[in-house]
Structures are given as structure tokens and as C-alpha cells.
Amino acid sequence: MAKKSWIARNEKRKRTVKKYAEKRRELKEAGDYEALQKLPRDASPTRVRNRCSLTGRARGYISEFGVSRIKFRELALDGKIPGVRKASW
């Protein structure tokens, strides 16, 4: 389980990105890069980290399912992800 502070910080970044998305788009289209630099750093979408929705783990994230590789394996073996099963040949 990731630290609660890391998860909270990432959620705050998501809110900031959403808040400034329209303004960033307008400034980019206008080519006003000086005003763009004056926006908060966390307004950039590249600062948001993909995290597992169950544990908050940042590494080994599978975007199609929104969970980390470890939780994905547990859920798949339990049969909780439809259409996913362990390979055998």
C-alpha cells in the first residue's frame, strides 16, 4: 500500500490539471509560453502519476484495467476480471 500522502498529492494534482486544462489549451494555441510558465507546475498533465486504484502502487500499472500487476494477477486468478484467464499451452 502506498503512503496516503502520495496518493493524496496525486489526487490534488489531478484536480489542478482539470482546473487549468482550458486555460493551458488557450495559452498554447495563442503561443503565449511566458504566461504558460506562470501557471502552477502541477497544472501540467505530465506531473500526474498513474496509480493502482486499489493499492495506490505507482509501478507496474496496467492502464487497461487501472490496477497494478500484482493486484491484476490476484483478481485474474480469482476470476474477478471477465475475459481474463491464465495462459496454458
C-alpha atoms as a PDB file:
ATOM      1  CA  MET A   1       0.000   0.000   0.000  1.00  0.00           C
ATOM      2  CA  ALA A   2       1.365   3.384  -0.981  1.00  0.00           C
ATOM      3  CA  LYS A   3       1.630   6.181   1.552  1.00  0.00           C
ATOM      4  CA  LYS A   4      -1.607   8.105   1.942  1.00  0.00           C
ATOM      5  CA  SER A   5       0.259  11.377   1.394  1.00  0.00           C
ATOM      6  CA  TRP A   6       1.488  10.245  -2.061  1.00  0.00           C
ATOM      7  CA  ILE A   7      -1.996   9.219  -3.101  1.00  0.00           C
ATOM      8  CA  ALA A   8      -3.468  12.488  -1.792  1.00  0.00           C
ATOM      9  CA  ARG A   9      -0.795  14.540  -3.566  1.00  0.00           C
ATOM     10  CA  ASN A  10      -1.554  12.795  -6.847  1.00  0.00           C
ATOM     11  CA  GLU A  11      -5.297  13.426  -6.419  1.00  0.00           C
ATOM     12  CA  LYS A  12      -4.570  17.094  -5.781  1.00  0.00           C
ATOM     13  CA  ARG A  13      -2.517  17.210  -8.996  1.00  0.00           C
ATOM     14  CA  LYS A  14      -5.412  15.673 -10.925  1.00  0.00           C
ATOM     15  CA  ARG A  15      -7.737  18.396  -9.651  1.00  0.00           C
ATOM     16  CA  THR A  16      -5.214  21.116 -10.569  1.00  0.00           C
ATOM     17  CA  VAL A  17      -4.772  19.714 -14.083  1.00  0.00           C
ATOM     18  CA  LYS A  18      -8.537  19.665 -14.562  1.00  0.00           C
ATOM     19  CA  LYS A  19      -8.865  23.231 -13.244  1.00  0.00           C
ATOM     20  CA  TYR A  20      -6.249  24.706 -15.608  1.00  0.00           C
ATOM     21  CA  ALA A  21      -6.835  22.484 -18.669  1.00  0.00           C
ATOM     22  CA  GLU A  22      -8.858  25.045 -20.627  1.00  0.00           C
ATOM     23  CA  LYS A  23      -6.506  27.911 -19.797  1.00  0.00           C
ATOM     24  CA  ARG A  24      -3.448  25.835 -20.794  1.00  0.00           C
ATOM     25  CA  ARG A  25      -5.067  24.936 -24.104  1.00  0.00           C
ATOM     26  CA  GLU A  26      -5.850  28.596 -24.870  1.00  0.00           C
ATOM     27  CA  LEU A  27      -2.337  29.744 -23.987  1.00  0.00           C
ATOM     28  CA  LYS A  28      -0.758  27.035 -26.116  1.00  0.00           C
ATOM     29  CA  GLU A  29      -2.927  27.929 -29.118  1.00  0.00           C
ATOM     30  CA  ALA A  30      -2.034  31.613 -28.690  1.00  0.00           C
ATOM     31  CA  GLY A  31       1.662  30.729 -28.361  1.00  0.00           C
ATOM     32  CA  ASP A  32       1.955  32.659 -25.105  1.00  0.00           C
ATOM     33  CA  TYR A  33       4.615  30.498 -23.445  1.00  0.00           C
ATOM     34  CA  GLU A  34       5.593  33.125 -20.887  1.00  0.00           C
ATOM     35  CA  ALA A  35       2.083  33.122 -19.411  1.00  0.00           C
ATOM     36  CA  LEU A  36       2.082  29.336 -19.613  1.00  0.00           C
ATOM     37  CA  GLN A  37       5.190  29.236 -17.426  1.00  0.00           C
ATOM     38  CA  LYS A  38       3.455  31.338 -14.785  1.00  0.00           C
ATOM     39  CA  LEU A  39       0.790  28.680 -14.228  1.00  0.00           C
ATOM     40  CA  PRO A  40       1.386  26.249 -11.334  1.00  0.00           C
ATOM     41  CA  ARG A  41       3.748  23.385 -12.097  1.00  0.00           C
ATOM     42  CA  ASP A  42       1.128  20.842 -11.097  1.00  0.00           C
ATOM     43  CA  ALA A  43      -1.192  22.197 -13.811  1.00  0.00           C
ATOM     44  CA  SER A  44       0.795  20.160 -16.339  1.00  0.00           C
ATOM     45  CA  PRO A  45      -0.769  16.753 -17.074  1.00  0.00           C
ATOM     46  CA  THR A  46       2.659  15.097 -17.249  1.00  0.00           C
ATOM     47  CA  ARG A  47       3.036  15.515 -13.483  1.00  0.00           C
ATOM     48  CA  VAL A  48       0.105  13.180 -12.757  1.00  0.00           C
ATOM     49  CA  ARG A  49       1.217   9.647 -11.971  1.00  0.00           C
ATOM     50  CA  ASN A  50      -0.821   6.582 -12.910  1.00  0.00           C
ATOM     51  CA  ARG A  51      -1.566   4.666  -9.724  1.00  0.00           C
ATOM     52  CA  CYS A  52      -3.353   1.420  -8.879  1.00  0.00           C
ATOM     53  CA  SER A  53      -6.932   2.179  -7.887  1.00  0.00           C
ATOM     54  CA  LEU A  54      -6.839  -0.461  -5.128  1.00  0.00           C
ATOM     55  CA  THR A  55      -3.408  -0.067  -3.527  1.00  0.00           C
ATOM     56  CA  GLY A  56      -2.004   3.209  -4.855  1.00  0.00           C
ATOM     57  CA  ARG A  57       1.081   1.467  -6.219  1.00  0.00           C
ATOM     58  CA  ALA A  58       2.768   3.592  -8.903  1.00  0.00           C
ATOM     59  CA  ARG A  59       4.913   0.977 -10.651  1.00  0.00           C
ATOM     60  CA  GLY A  60       3.673  -1.918 -12.732  1.00  0.00           C
ATOM     61  CA  TYR A  61       0.434  -0.114 -13.615  1.00  0.00           C
ATOM     62  CA  ILE A  62      -1.777  -1.758 -16.267  1.00  0.00           C
ATOM     63  CA  SER A  63      -3.767   1.095 -17.783  1.00  0.00           C
ATOM     64  CA  GLU A  64      -6.409  -1.079 -19.452  1.00  0.00           C
ATOM     65  CA  PHE A  65      -7.570  -2.319 -16.047  1.00  0.00           C
ATOM     66  CA  GLY A  66      -6.445   0.543 -13.789  1.00  0.00           C
ATOM     67  CA  VAL A  67      -4.605  -1.706 -11.338  1.00  0.00           C
ATOM     68  CA  SER A  68      -1.016  -2.768 -10.656  1.00  0.00           C
ATOM     69  CA  ARG A  69       0.419  -6.017 -11.996  1.00  0.00           C
ATOM     70  CA  ILE A  70       0.211  -7.634  -8.554  1.00  0.00           C
ATOM     71  CA  LYS A  71      -3.478  -6.858  -7.994  1.00  0.00           C
ATOM     72  CA  PHE A  72      -4.212  -7.722 -11.627  1.00  0.00           C
ATOM     73  CA  ARG A  73      -2.792 -11.210 -11.099  1.00  0.00           C
ATOM     74  CA  GLU A  74      -4.760 -11.717  -7.874  1.00  0.00           C
ATOM     75  CA  LEU A  75      -8.027 -10.555  -9.452  1.00  0.00           C
ATOM     76  CA  ALA A  76      -7.457 -12.617 -12.611  1.00  0.00           C
ATOM     77  CA  LEU A  77      -6.735 -15.800 -10.646  1.00  0.00           C
ATOM     78  CA  ASP A  78      -9.848 -15.225  -8.516  1.00  0.00           C
ATOM     79  CA  GLY A  79     -11.889 -14.857 -11.729  1.00  0.00           C
ATOM     80  CA  LYS A  80     -12.948 -11.298 -10.917  1.00  0.00           C
ATOM     81  CA  ILE A  81     -11.833  -9.837 -14.257  1.00  0.00           C
ATOM     82  CA  PRO A  82     -14.139 -11.022 -17.060  1.00  0.00           C
ATOM     83  CA  GLY A  83     -12.431 -12.486 -20.109  1.00  0.00           C
ATOM     84  CA  VAL A  84      -9.041 -12.885 -18.449  1.00  0.00           C
ATOM     85  CA  ARG A  85      -7.596 -16.279 -17.609  1.00  0.00           C
ATOM     86  CA  LYS A  86      -4.214 -17.799 -17.002  1.00  0.00           C
ATOM     87  CA  ALA A  87      -2.431 -18.926 -20.127  1.00  0.00           C
ATOM     88  CA  SER A  88      -1.728 -22.631 -20.628  1.00  0.00           C
ATOM     89  CA  TRP A  89      -0.456 -24.495 -23.666  1.00  0.00           C
END
